Amino acid sequence: MRETAPLTGTATPLTGSAEQPAAEAPESAAEPPTTAAGTGATPDHPDDPPRYAPEWLRLREPADAAARAHDLLDPLRVRLADRPGRAAHDGLVVHDLGCGTGSMGRWLAPLLDGAQHWVLHDRDPYLLHFAAVGTPRSAADGSRVTVETRRGDLARLTPDALTGAGLVTASALLDVLTAREVGALAAACAAAGCPALLTLSVAGRVELTPEHPLDTEITLAFNDHQRRSGLLGPDAVSTAAEAFAAHGATVRTRSAPWRLGPDEAALAGQWLRGWVAAAVEQRPELREPAARYVEERLAACVAGELRVVVHHTDLLALCRPKGAAS
């Protein structure tokens, strides 16, 4: 195990993308990664993957932490404590897919007992650097936490990539995958015999108070945008649940909503811009009414009058441990 992390590690074919800003994707929430929203950064080369702004990921991190379903942690802890072949001195190896700036590790590592080694996967070396330096160095009971990084395309997941894994995690990742990619992820976790904690997948539902006549139309257009090019979008959790269950896993899901009020006005404003930008990209005829809509909504946000609930779902898949009877 490494105590310090290199900027990049061995490129491993995995699945996914980095957390998305202004549109659900890894560590992003309910909006698509769009530079028009001011949350993305342009790649250095046309063939490079999109780069997601660390500023957006930092802005959303407190809301992510507050939203994640803590009641999924008890069954996870039981499974981790009972994993076959586990010795008292063995550390838990956690693979965090599409880690972005590492908010999942910062949230989860201090909530689990015992030594941990986090393997952080992302395509963007810039984000991997932030994730590595920001990973906690101690667990809930004071045990050591170490980290390494692996740069690679998460779109070709192989079971070998998760060899030795005790847990797989991801944040806001499932909804930017295809059904094939989710199936590959479920198969790899099942082959490794490890549980998967996959949080903050977009649910396709948003509540804004006060209501506005365009709310429903923007929501529907955004959801269609999330499903572009075969991506699962709001259908991700149900598809993933079926895929894991087909491999014999016990699957639990919980609601994990962002609840944004006056104290989260900066995040609400940035989210709103990205959410509407994605809807307009999907339905260009909305451009003019959407411009007025954003102006009104941002004014309410600045005045402390806007409340937003962005619905997400967390999923825990307890795959059969290796060697367990079927």
C-alpha atoms as a PDB file:
ATOM      1  CA  MET A   1       0.000   0.000   0.000  1.00  0.00           C
ATOM      2  CA  ARG A   2       1.144   3.507  -0.750  1.00  0.00           C
ATOM      3  CA  GLU A   3       0.916   6.198   1.834  1.00  0.00           C
ATOM      4  CA  THR A   4       1.211   8.981  -0.675  1.00  0.00           C
ATOM      5  CA  ALA A   5      -0.372   9.112  -4.081  1.00  0.00           C
ATOM      6  CA  PRO A   6       1.310   9.843  -7.394  1.00  0.00           C
ATOM      7  CA  LEU A   7      -0.385  12.290  -9.717  1.00  0.00           C
ATOM      8  CA  THR A   8      -1.477   9.391 -11.911  1.00  0.00           C
ATOM      9  CA  GLY A   9      -1.235   5.658 -11.644  1.00  0.00           C
ATOM     10  CA  THR A  10      -1.554   2.751 -13.999  1.00  0.00           C
ATOM     11  CA  ALA A  11      -4.272   3.328 -16.554  1.00  0.00           C
ATOM     12  CA  THR A  12      -6.968   0.788 -15.836  1.00  0.00           C
ATOM     13  CA  PRO A  13      -9.920   0.178 -18.164  1.00  0.00           C
ATOM     14  CA  LEU A  14     -12.894   0.914 -15.972  1.00  0.00           C
ATOM     15  CA  THR A  15     -16.178   2.704 -16.516  1.00  0.00           C
ATOM     16  CA  GLY A  16     -17.599   6.147 -16.313  1.00  0.00           C
ATOM     17  CA  SER A  17     -16.470   9.709 -16.202  1.00  0.00           C
ATOM     18  CA  ALA A  18     -15.483  12.288 -13.750  1.00  0.00           C
ATOM     19  CA  GLU A  19     -17.979  13.975 -11.517  1.00  0.00           C
ATOM     20  CA  GLN A  20     -20.100  16.258 -13.537  1.00  0.00           C
ATOM     21  CA  PRO A  21     -20.815  19.834 -12.796  1.00  0.00           C
ATOM     22  CA  ALA A  22     -24.191  21.355 -13.491  1.00  0.00           C
ATOM     23  CA  ALA A  23     -25.796  18.155 -14.630  1.00  0.00           C
ATOM     24  CA  GLU A  24     -25.555  14.857 -12.890  1.00  0.00           C
ATOM     25  CA  ALA A  25     -22.408  12.946 -13.328  1.00  0.00           C
ATOM     26  CA  PRO A  26     -19.717  11.827 -11.044  1.00  0.00           C
ATOM     27  CA  GLU A  27     -19.880  14.008  -8.060  1.00  0.00           C
ATOM     28  CA  SER A  28     -22.091  16.407  -9.827  1.00  0.00           C
ATOM     29  CA  ALA A  29     -25.759  16.575  -9.399  1.00  0.00           C
ATOM     30  CA  ALA A  30     -28.762  16.830 -11.569  1.00  0.00           C
ATOM     31  CA  GLU A  31     -27.396  18.778 -14.440  1.00  0.00           C
ATOM     32  CA  PRO A  32     -25.271  17.897 -17.473  1.00  0.00           C
ATOM     33  CA  PRO A  33     -21.643  18.942 -17.838  1.00  0.00           C
ATOM     34  CA  THR A  34     -21.837  22.001 -19.967  1.00  0.00           C
ATOM     35  CA  THR A  35     -19.411  24.863 -20.289  1.00  0.00           C
ATOM     36  CA  ALA A  36     -22.392  27.106 -20.935  1.00  0.00           C
ATOM     37  CA  ALA A  37     -23.317  26.559 -17.337  1.00  0.00           C
ATOM     38  CA  GLY A  38     -19.977  27.820 -16.220  1.00  0.00           C
ATOM     39  CA  THR A  39     -19.115  24.600 -14.428  1.00  0.00           C
ATOM     40  CA  GLY A  40     -17.018  22.788 -16.994  1.00  0.00           C
ATOM     41  CA  ALA A  41     -13.597  23.456 -18.448  1.00  0.00           C
ATOM     42  CA  THR A  42     -12.494  22.898 -22.017  1.00  0.00           C
ATOM     43  CA  PRO A  43     -10.134  19.956 -22.662  1.00  0.00           C
ATOM     44  CA  ASP A  44      -6.601  20.811 -23.773  1.00  0.00           C
ATOM     45  CA  HIS A  45      -7.000  18.579 -26.845  1.00  0.00           C
ATOM     46  CA  PRO A  46     -10.159  17.605 -28.779  1.00  0.00           C
ATOM     47  CA  ASP A  47      -9.605  13.940 -27.916  1.00  0.00           C
ATOM     48  CA  ASP A  48      -9.198  14.610 -24.200  1.00  0.00           C
ATOM     49  CA  PRO A  49     -12.124  13.882 -21.861  1.00  0.00           C
ATOM     50  CA  PRO A  50     -14.149  16.829 -20.553  1.00  0.00           C
ATOM     51  CA  ARG A  51     -12.582  18.507 -17.577  1.00  0.00           C
ATOM     52  CA  TYR A  52     -14.906  19.373 -14.733  1.00  0.00           C
ATOM     53  CA  ALA A  53     -14.170  22.461 -12.713  1.00  0.00           C
ATOM     54  CA  PRO A  54     -12.943  21.733  -9.170  1.00  0.00           C
ATOM     55  CA  GLU A  55     -14.758  24.893  -8.078  1.00  0.00           C
ATOM     56  CA  TRP A  56     -18.110  23.337  -8.967  1.00  0.00           C
ATOM     57  CA  LEU A  57     -17.236  20.094  -7.234  1.00  0.00           C
ATOM     58  CA  ARG A  58     -16.165  21.929  -4.079  1.00  0.00           C
ATOM     59  CA  LEU A  59     -19.364  23.997  -4.155  1.00  0.00           C
ATOM     60  CA  ARG A  60     -21.576  20.922  -4.226  1.00  0.00           C
ATOM     61  CA  GLU A  61     -19.616  18.784  -1.777  1.00  0.00           C
ATOM     62  CA  PRO A  62     -21.434  19.884   1.426  1.00  0.00           C
ATOM     63  CA  ALA A  63     -24.826  19.259  -0.202  1.00  0.00           C
ATOM     64  CA  ASP A  64     -23.651  15.854  -1.389  1.00  0.00           C
ATOM     65  CA  ALA A  65     -22.483  14.908   2.096  1.00  0.00           C
ATOM     66  CA  ALA A  66     -25.768  16.019   3.656  1.00  0.00           C
ATOM     67  CA  ALA A  67     -27.808  14.143   1.039  1.00  0.00           C
ATOM     68  CA  ARG A  68     -26.149  10.716   1.083  1.00  0.00           C
ATOM     69  CA  ALA A  69     -28.189   8.032   2.828  1.00  0.00           C
ATOM     70  CA  HIS A  70     -26.463   7.212   6.127  1.00  0.00           C
ATOM     71  CA  ASP A  71     -28.833   4.334   6.831  1.00  0.00           C
ATOM     72  CA  LEU A  72     -27.147   2.308   4.077  1.00  0.00           C
ATOM     73  CA  LEU A  73     -23.919   2.330   6.096  1.00  0.00           C
ATOM     74  CA  ASP A  74     -25.008  -0.135   8.796  1.00  0.00           C
ATOM     75  CA  PRO A  75     -25.683  -3.030   6.390  1.00  0.00           C
ATOM     76  CA  LEU A  76     -22.474  -2.109   4.578  1.00  0.00           C
ATOM     77  CA  ARG A  77     -20.466  -2.239   7.813  1.00  0.00           C
ATOM     78  CA  VAL A  78     -21.916  -5.660   8.643  1.00  0.00           C
ATOM     79  CA  ARG A  79     -20.931  -7.013   5.233  1.00  0.00           C
ATOM     80  CA  LEU A  80     -17.432  -5.567   5.453  1.00  0.00           C
ATOM     81  CA  ALA A  81     -16.908  -7.009   8.936  1.00  0.00           C
ATOM     82  CA  ASP A  82     -17.996 -10.457   7.754  1.00  0.00           C
ATOM     83  CA  ARG A  83     -16.082 -10.644   4.486  1.00  0.00           C
ATOM     84  CA  PRO A  84     -14.524 -14.099   3.975  1.00  0.00           C
ATOM     85  CA  GLY A  85     -10.810 -14.501   4.644  1.00  0.00           C
ATOM     86  CA  ARG A  86     -10.619 -11.172   6.421  1.00  0.00           C
ATOM     87  CA  ALA A  87      -7.912 -11.038   9.080  1.00  0.00           C
ATOM     88  CA  ALA A  88      -7.842  -8.445  11.819  1.00  0.00           C
ATOM     89  CA  HIS A  89      -4.811  -6.763  10.275  1.00  0.00           C
ATOM     90  CA  ASP A  90      -6.192  -6.724   6.718  1.00  0.00           C
ATOM     91  CA  GLY A  91      -7.062  -3.330   5.345  1.00  0.00           C
ATOM     92  CA  LEU A  92     -10.133  -2.619   3.254  1.00  0.00           C
ATOM     93  CA  VAL A  93      -9.357  -1.859  -0.405  1.00  0.00           C
ATOM     94  CA  VAL A  94     -11.860   0.642  -1.808  1.00  0.00           C
ATOM     95  CA  HIS A  95     -12.084   1.445  -5.521  1.00  0.00           C
ATOM     96  CA  ASP A  96     -13.725   4.832  -6.083  1.00  0.00           C
ATOM     97  CA  LEU A  97     -14.852   5.124  -9.706  1.00  0.00           C
ATOM     98  CA  GLY A  98     -15.046   8.512 -11.393  1.00  0.00           C
ATOM     99  CA  CYS A  99     -13.686  10.012  -8.190  1.00  0.00           C
ATOM    100  CA  GLY A 100     -13.453  13.610  -9.400  1.00  0.00           C
ATOM    101  CA  THR A 101     -11.941  15.633  -6.559  1.00  0.00           C
ATOM    102  CA  GLY A 102     -12.494  12.785  -4.087  1.00  0.00           C
ATOM    103  CA  SER A 103     -15.561  13.865  -2.135  1.00  0.00           C
ATOM    104  CA  MET A 104     -16.724  10.262  -1.647  1.00  0.00           C
ATOM    105  CA  GLY A 105     -13.496   9.364   0.145  1.00  0.00           C
ATOM    106  CA  ARG A 106     -13.649  12.479   2.286  1.00  0.00           C
ATOM    107  CA  TRP A 107     -17.190  11.538   3.311  1.00  0.00           C
ATOM    108  CA  LEU A 108     -16.904   7.777   3.724  1.00  0.00           C
ATOM    109  CA  ALA A 109     -13.378   7.023   4.946  1.00  0.00           C
ATOM    110  CA  PRO A 110     -13.926   8.748   8.335  1.00  0.00           C
ATOM    111  CA  LEU A 111     -17.203   6.823   8.783  1.00  0.00           C
ATOM    112  CA  LEU A 112     -15.649   3.342   8.522  1.00  0.00           C
ATOM    113  CA  ASP A 113     -13.408   1.606  11.061  1.00  0.00           C
ATOM    114  CA  GLY A 114     -10.177  -0.109  10.193  1.00  0.00           C
ATOM    115  CA  ALA A 115      -7.258   0.446   7.848  1.00  0.00           C
ATOM    116  CA  GLN A 116      -8.286   1.462   4.326  1.00  0.00           C
ATOM    117  CA  HIS A 117      -6.525   1.756   0.991  1.00  0.00           C
ATOM    118  CA  TRP A 118      -8.386   3.907  -1.524  1.00  0.00           C
ATOM    119  CA  VAL A 119      -7.790   3.412  -5.241  1.00  0.00           C
ATOM    120  CA  LEU A 120      -9.051   6.535  -6.999  1.00  0.00           C
ATOM    121  CA  HIS A 121     -10.066   6.179 -10.656  1.00  0.00           C
ATOM    122  CA  ASP A 122     -10.645   9.051 -13.060  1.00  0.00           C
ATOM    123  CA  ARG A 123      -9.765  10.103 -16.587  1.00  0.00           C
ATOM    124  CA  ASP A 124      -8.623  13.570 -15.564  1.00  0.00           C
ATOM    125  CA  PRO A 125      -5.159  13.814 -13.937  1.00  0.00           C
ATOM    126  CA  TYR A 126      -5.989  17.325 -12.766  1.00  0.00           C
ATOM    127  CA  LEU A 127      -8.904  16.068 -10.661  1.00  0.00           C
ATOM    128  CA  LEU A 128      -6.939  13.012  -9.513  1.00  0.00           C
ATOM    129  CA  HIS A 129      -4.336  15.329  -8.018  1.00  0.00           C
ATOM    130  CA  PHE A 130      -6.975  17.157  -5.971  1.00  0.00           C
ATOM    131  CA  ALA A 131      -8.513  13.851  -4.902  1.00  0.00           C
ATOM    132  CA  ALA A 132      -5.209  12.367  -3.765  1.00  0.00           C
ATOM    133  CA  VAL A 133      -4.108  15.311  -1.650  1.00  0.00           C
ATOM    134  CA  GLY A 134      -7.570  15.694  -0.117  1.00  0.00           C
ATOM    135  CA  THR A 135      -8.103  12.087   0.974  1.00  0.00           C
ATOM    136  CA  PRO A 136      -8.383  11.685   4.773  1.00  0.00           C
ATOM    137  CA  ARG A 137      -5.437   9.934   6.366  1.00  0.00           C
ATOM    138  CA  SER A 138      -7.315   8.249   9.222  1.00  0.00           C
ATOM    139  CA  ALA A 139     -10.454   6.142   9.606  1.00  0.00           C
ATOM    140  CA  ALA A 140     -13.210   6.431  12.209  1.00  0.00           C
ATOM    141  CA  ASP A 141     -11.123   4.508  14.750  1.00  0.00           C
ATOM    142  CA  GLY A 142      -7.861   6.237  13.905  1.00  0.00           C
ATOM    143  CA  SER A 143      -6.562   3.487  11.619  1.00  0.00           C
ATOM    144  CA  ARG A 144      -4.424   4.509   8.676  1.00  0.00           C
ATOM    145  CA  VAL A 145      -5.960   5.446   5.316  1.00  0.00           C
ATOM    146  CA  THR A 146      -3.687   5.303   2.259  1.00  0.00           C
ATOM    147  CA  VAL A 147      -4.373   6.247  -1.338  1.00  0.00           C
ATOM    148  CA  GLU A 148      -3.253   5.686  -4.890  1.00  0.00           C
ATOM    149  CA  THR A 149      -4.582   7.033  -8.173  1.00  0.00           C
ATOM    150  CA  ARG A 150      -5.293   5.362 -11.502  1.00  0.00           C
ATOM    151  CA  ARG A 151      -5.942   7.323 -14.621  1.00  0.00           C
ATOM    152  CA  GLY A 152      -7.995   5.502 -17.213  1.00  0.00           C
ATOM    153  CA  ASP A 153     -11.132   5.388 -19.296  1.00  0.00           C
ATOM    154  CA  LEU A 154     -13.873   4.018 -17.094  1.00  0.00           C
ATOM    155  CA  ALA A 155     -15.872   2.945 -20.142  1.00  0.00           C
ATOM    156  CA  ARG A 156     -14.274  -0.492 -20.451  1.00  0.00           C
ATOM    157  CA  LEU A 157     -14.654  -2.128 -17.093  1.00  0.00           C
ATOM    158  CA  THR A 158     -13.004  -5.522 -16.655  1.00  0.00           C
ATOM    159  CA  PRO A 159     -13.269  -7.828 -13.643  1.00  0.00           C
ATOM    160  CA  ASP A 160      -9.463  -7.821 -13.347  1.00  0.00           C
ATOM    161  CA  ALA A 161      -9.569  -4.097 -12.558  1.00  0.00           C
ATOM    162  CA  LEU A 162     -11.273  -4.873  -9.246  1.00  0.00           C
ATOM    163  CA  THR A 163      -9.079  -7.772  -8.158  1.00  0.00           C
ATOM    164  CA  GLY A 164      -8.676  -7.586  -4.381  1.00  0.00           C
ATOM    165  CA  ALA A 165     -11.403  -4.969  -3.965  1.00  0.00           C
ATOM    166  CA  GLY A 166     -13.373  -5.028  -0.731  1.00  0.00           C
ATOM    167  CA  LEU A 167     -15.721  -2.208  -1.742  1.00  0.00           C
ATOM    168  CA  VAL A 168     -16.567  -0.235  -4.882  1.00  0.00           C
ATOM    169  CA  THR A 169     -17.905   3.296  -4.582  1.00  0.00           C
ATOM    170  CA  ALA A 170     -19.044   6.047  -6.930  1.00  0.00           C
ATOM    171  CA  SER A 171     -20.846   9.343  -6.646  1.00  0.00           C
ATOM    172  CA  ALA A 172     -23.242  10.677  -9.307  1.00  0.00           C
ATOM    173  CA  LEU A 173     -21.874   8.197 -11.822  1.00  0.00           C
ATOM    174  CA  LEU A 174     -24.590   5.708 -12.751  1.00  0.00           C
ATOM    175  CA  ASP A 175     -26.738   8.179 -14.663  1.00  0.00           C
ATOM    176  CA  VAL A 176     -23.936   9.006 -17.121  1.00  0.00           C
ATOM    177  CA  LEU A 177     -23.422   5.352 -18.032  1.00  0.00           C
ATOM    178  CA  THR A 178     -25.160   3.197 -20.627  1.00  0.00           C
ATOM    179  CA  ALA A 179     -27.018   0.004 -19.788  1.00  0.00           C
ATOM    180  CA  ARG A 180     -24.067  -1.992 -21.139  1.00  0.00           C
ATOM    181  CA  GLU A 181     -21.626  -0.136 -18.900  1.00  0.00           C
ATOM    182  CA  VAL A 182     -23.821  -0.597 -15.839  1.00  0.00           C
ATOM    183  CA  GLY A 183     -24.081  -4.284 -16.668  1.00  0.00           C
ATOM    184  CA  ALA A 184     -20.299  -4.512 -16.891  1.00  0.00           C
ATOM    185  CA  LEU A 185     -19.959  -2.749 -13.533  1.00  0.00           C
ATOM    186  CA  ALA A 186     -22.403  -5.142 -11.862  1.00  0.00           C
ATOM    187  CA  ALA A 187     -20.641  -8.144 -13.388  1.00  0.00           C
ATOM    188  CA  ALA A 188     -17.229  -6.931 -12.240  1.00  0.00           C
ATOM    189  CA  CYS A 189     -18.415  -6.317  -8.676  1.00  0.00           C
ATOM    190  CA  ALA A 190     -20.081  -9.727  -8.611  1.00  0.00           C
ATOM    191  CA  ALA A 191     -16.903 -11.384  -9.890  1.00  0.00           C
ATOM    192  CA  ALA A 192     -14.886  -9.620  -7.195  1.00  0.00           C
ATOM    193  CA  GLY A 193     -17.487 -10.570  -4.573  1.00  0.00           C
ATOM    194  CA  CYS A 194     -17.504  -7.047  -3.183  1.00  0.00           C
ATOM    195  CA  PRO A 195     -20.334  -4.663  -2.280  1.00  0.00           C
ATOM    196  CA  ALA A 196     -20.949  -1.468  -4.215  1.00  0.00           C
ATOM    197  CA  LEU A 197     -22.117   1.834  -2.732  1.00  0.00           C
ATOM    198  CA  LEU A 198     -23.262   4.030  -5.619  1.00  0.00           C
ATOM    199  CA  THR A 199     -24.619   7.358  -4.456  1.00  0.00           C
ATOM    200  CA  LEU A 200     -26.365  10.441  -5.792  1.00  0.00           C
ATOM    201  CA  SER A 201     -27.820   9.172  -9.049  1.00  0.00           C
ATOM    202  CA  VAL A 202     -30.235  11.631 -10.597  1.00  0.00           C
ATOM    203  CA  ALA A 203     -33.863  10.647 -10.042  1.00  0.00           C
ATOM    204  CA  GLY A 204     -35.493  12.913 -12.626  1.00  0.00           C
ATOM    205  CA  ARG A 205     -37.527  14.893 -10.097  1.00  0.00           C
ATOM    206  CA  VAL A 206     -37.003  18.482  -8.993  1.00  0.00           C
ATOM    207  CA  GLU A 207     -39.185  20.598  -6.706  1.00  0.00           C
ATOM    208  CA  LEU A 208     -38.912  24.378  -6.769  1.00  0.00           C
ATOM    209  CA  THR A 209     -40.762  26.692  -4.413  1.00  0.00           C
ATOM    210  CA  PRO A 210     -42.461  28.946  -5.370  1.00  0.00           C
ATOM    211  CA  GLU A 211     -43.712  27.036  -8.410  1.00  0.00           C
ATOM    212  CA  HIS A 212     -43.404  28.388 -11.954  1.00  0.00           C
ATOM    213  CA  PRO A 213     -45.357  27.437 -15.107  1.00  0.00           C
ATOM    214  CA  LEU A 214     -42.138  26.341 -16.872  1.00  0.00           C
ATOM    215  CA  ASP A 215     -40.920  24.017 -14.110  1.00  0.00           C
ATOM    216  CA  THR A 216     -42.382  20.847 -15.610  1.00  0.00           C
ATOM    217  CA  GLU A 217     -41.299  21.618 -19.169  1.00  0.00           C
ATOM    218  CA  ILE A 218     -37.716  22.351 -18.095  1.00  0.00           C
ATOM    219  CA  THR A 219     -37.638  19.164 -16.010  1.00  0.00           C
ATOM    220  CA  LEU A 220     -38.839  16.996 -18.892  1.00  0.00           C
ATOM    221  CA  ALA A 221     -36.365  18.539 -21.327  1.00  0.00           C
ATOM    222  CA  PHE A 222     -33.533  18.075 -18.830  1.00  0.00           C
ATOM    223  CA  ASN A 223     -34.457  14.433 -18.288  1.00  0.00           C
ATOM    224  CA  ASP A 224     -34.442  13.855 -22.044  1.00  0.00           C
ATOM    225  CA  HIS A 225     -30.998  15.442 -22.170  1.00  0.00           C
ATOM    226  CA  GLN A 226     -29.794  13.035 -19.505  1.00  0.00           C
ATOM    227  CA  ARG A 227     -30.896  10.114 -21.694  1.00  0.00           C
ATOM    228  CA  ARG A 228     -29.097  11.352 -24.826  1.00  0.00           C
ATOM    229  CA  SER A 229     -26.854   8.958 -26.749  1.00  0.00           C
ATOM    230  CA  GLY A 230     -28.048   5.952 -24.806  1.00  0.00           C
ATOM    231  CA  LEU A 231     -27.153   7.253 -21.348  1.00  0.00           C
ATOM    232  CA  LEU A 232     -29.429   6.025 -18.584  1.00  0.00           C
ATOM    233  CA  GLY A 233     -30.116   9.323 -16.828  1.00  0.00           C
ATOM    234  CA  PRO A 234     -33.095   8.974 -14.461  1.00  0.00           C
ATOM    235  CA  ASP A 235     -33.421   5.271 -15.365  1.00  0.00           C
ATOM    236  CA  ALA A 236     -29.973   4.450 -14.005  1.00  0.00           C
ATOM    237  CA  VAL A 237     -30.875   3.190 -10.546  1.00  0.00           C
ATOM    238  CA  SER A 238     -33.617   0.826 -11.684  1.00  0.00           C
ATOM    239  CA  THR A 239     -31.334  -0.530 -14.417  1.00  0.00           C
ATOM    240  CA  ALA A 240     -28.456  -0.973 -11.961  1.00  0.00           C
ATOM    241  CA  ALA A 241     -30.697  -2.651  -9.386  1.00  0.00           C
ATOM    242  CA  GLU A 242     -31.819  -5.185 -11.984  1.00  0.00           C
ATOM    243  CA  ALA A 243     -28.257  -5.788 -13.166  1.00  0.00           C
ATOM    244  CA  PHE A 244     -26.901  -6.420  -9.673  1.00  0.00           C
ATOM    245  CA  ALA A 245     -29.890  -8.562  -8.699  1.00  0.00           C
ATOM    246  CA  ALA A 246     -29.310 -10.716 -11.794  1.00  0.00           C
ATOM    247  CA  HIS A 247     -25.906 -11.570 -10.303  1.00  0.00           C
ATOM    248  CA  GLY A 248     -27.468 -12.553  -6.985  1.00  0.00           C
ATOM    249  CA  ALA A 249     -26.802  -9.331  -5.104  1.00  0.00           C
ATOM    250  CA  THR A 250     -29.097  -7.952  -2.422  1.00  0.00           C
ATOM    251  CA  VAL A 251     -29.940  -4.406  -3.490  1.00  0.00           C
ATOM    252  CA  ARG A 252     -31.139  -1.556  -1.285  1.00  0.00           C
ATOM    253  CA  THR A 253     -31.986   1.953  -2.423  1.00  0.00           C
ATOM    254  CA  ARG A 254     -32.654   5.136  -0.492  1.00  0.00           C
ATOM    255  CA  SER A 255     -33.665   8.674  -1.361  1.00  0.00           C
ATOM    256  CA  ALA A 256     -30.794  11.177  -1.189  1.00  0.00           C
ATOM    257  CA  PRO A 257     -32.141  14.648  -2.028  1.00  0.00           C
ATOM    258  CA  TRP A 258     -30.337  17.936  -2.103  1.00  0.00           C
ATOM    259  CA  ARG A 259     -32.328  20.462  -0.068  1.00  0.00           C
ATOM    260  CA  LEU A 260     -31.243  23.957  -1.039  1.00  0.00           C
ATOM    261  CA  GLY A 261     -32.379  27.133   0.663  1.00  0.00           C
ATOM    262  CA  PRO A 262     -30.961  30.618   1.323  1.00  0.00           C
ATOM    263  CA  ASP A 263     -27.815  29.171   2.940  1.00  0.00           C
ATOM    264  CA  GLU A 264     -27.077  27.274  -0.275  1.00  0.00           C
ATOM    265  CA  ALA A 265     -27.884  30.136  -2.658  1.00  0.00           C
ATOM    266  CA  ALA A 266     -24.540  29.935  -4.487  1.00  0.00           C
ATOM    267  CA  LEU A 267     -24.996  26.240  -5.219  1.00  0.00           C
ATOM    268  CA  ALA A 268     -28.666  26.681  -6.142  1.00  0.00           C
ATOM    269  CA  GLY A 269     -27.807  29.438  -8.600  1.00  0.00           C
ATOM    270  CA  GLN A 270     -25.035  27.465 -10.257  1.00  0.00           C
ATOM    271  CA  TRP A 271     -27.171  24.321 -10.393  1.00  0.00           C
ATOM    272  CA  LEU A 272     -30.084  26.287 -11.888  1.00  0.00           C
ATOM    273  CA  ARG A 273     -27.946  27.674 -14.714  1.00  0.00           C
ATOM    274  CA  GLY A 274     -26.649  24.237 -15.638  1.00  0.00           C
ATOM    275  CA  TRP A 275     -30.035  22.562 -15.319  1.00  0.00           C
ATOM    276  CA  VAL A 276     -31.724  25.051 -17.650  1.00  0.00           C
ATOM    277  CA  ALA A 277     -28.778  25.097 -20.080  1.00  0.00           C
ATOM    278  CA  ALA A 278     -29.107  21.334 -20.531  1.00  0.00           C
ATOM    279  CA  ALA A 279     -32.858  21.646 -21.117  1.00  0.00           C
ATOM    280  CA  VAL A 280     -32.306  24.331 -23.761  1.00  0.00           C
ATOM    281  CA  GLU A 281     -29.610  22.254 -25.437  1.00  0.00           C
ATOM    282  CA  GLN A 282     -32.148  19.451 -25.709  1.00  0.00           C
ATOM    283  CA  ARG A 283     -34.991  21.740 -26.821  1.00  0.00           C
ATOM    284  CA  PRO A 284     -33.653  24.914 -28.472  1.00  0.00           C
ATOM    285  CA  GLU A 285     -37.169  26.335 -28.829  1.00  0.00           C
ATOM    286  CA  LEU A 286     -37.109  26.891 -25.060  1.00  0.00           C
ATOM    287  CA  ARG A 287     -34.240  29.384 -25.316  1.00  0.00           C
ATOM    288  CA  GLU A 288     -36.197  32.629 -25.002  1.00  0.00           C
ATOM    289  CA  PRO A 289     -38.692  31.601 -22.309  1.00  0.00           C
ATOM    290  CA  ALA A 290     -35.894  29.809 -20.461  1.00  0.00           C
ATOM    291  CA  ALA A 291     -33.793  32.998 -20.401  1.00  0.00           C
ATOM    292  CA  ARG A 292     -36.627  34.846 -18.679  1.00  0.00           C
ATOM    293  CA  TYR A 293     -37.179  31.859 -16.382  1.00  0.00           C
ATOM    294  CA  VAL A 294     -33.554  31.821 -15.253  1.00  0.00           C
ATOM    295  CA  GLU A 295     -33.586  35.558 -14.647  1.00  0.00           C
ATOM    296  CA  GLU A 296     -36.676  35.298 -12.435  1.00  0.00           C
ATOM    297  CA  ARG A 297     -35.403  32.250 -10.580  1.00  0.00           C
ATOM    298  CA  LEU A 298     -31.973  33.763  -9.915  1.00  0.00           C
ATOM    299  CA  ALA A 299     -33.603  36.940  -8.587  1.00  0.00           C
ATOM    300  CA  ALA A 300     -35.646  34.824  -6.169  1.00  0.00           C
ATOM    301  CA  CYS A 301     -32.503  32.959  -5.186  1.00  0.00           C
ATOM    302  CA  VAL A 302     -30.625  36.164  -4.387  1.00  0.00           C
ATOM    303  CA  ALA A 303     -33.630  37.405  -2.391  1.00  0.00           C
ATOM    304  CA  GLY A 304     -33.614  34.210  -0.306  1.00  0.00           C
ATOM    305  CA  GLU A 305     -37.055  33.222  -1.595  1.00  0.00           C
ATOM    306  CA  LEU A 306     -36.179  30.143  -3.651  1.00  0.00           C
ATOM    307  CA  ARG A 307     -36.216  26.603  -2.238  1.00  0.00           C
ATOM    308  CA  VAL A 308     -35.029  23.682  -4.339  1.00  0.00           C
ATOM    309  CA  VAL A 309     -35.195  19.933  -3.765  1.00  0.00           C
ATOM    310  CA  VAL A 310     -33.133  17.941  -6.275  1.00  0.00           C
ATOM    311  CA  HIS A 311     -33.960  14.274  -5.916  1.00  0.00           C
ATOM    312  CA  HIS A 312     -31.245  11.615  -6.094  1.00  0.00           C
ATOM    313  CA  THR A 313     -31.101   7.948  -5.171  1.00  0.00           C
ATOM    314  CA  ASP A 314     -28.348   5.999  -3.384  1.00  0.00           C
ATOM    315  CA  LEU A 315     -27.892   2.302  -4.119  1.00  0.00           C
ATOM    316  CA  LEU A 316     -26.137  -0.363  -2.051  1.00  0.00           C
ATOM    317  CA  ALA A 317     -25.533  -3.699  -3.781  1.00  0.00           C
ATOM    318  CA  LEU A 318     -24.386  -6.497  -1.470  1.00  0.00           C
ATOM    319  CA  CYS A 319     -22.843  -8.953  -3.916  1.00  0.00           C
ATOM    320  CA  ARG A 320     -22.246 -12.520  -2.791  1.00  0.00           C
ATOM    321  CA  PRO A 321     -18.752 -12.821  -1.309  1.00  0.00           C
ATOM    322  CA  LYS A 322     -16.355 -14.986  -3.263  1.00  0.00           C
ATOM    323  CA  GLY A 323     -16.761 -18.610  -2.298  1.00  0.00           C
ATOM    324  CA  ALA A 324     -20.219 -18.096  -0.779  1.00  0.00           C
ATOM    325  CA  ALA A 325     -22.844 -20.728  -1.532  1.00  0.00           C
ATOM    326  CA  SER A 326     -25.314 -19.654  -4.214  1.00  0.00           C
END
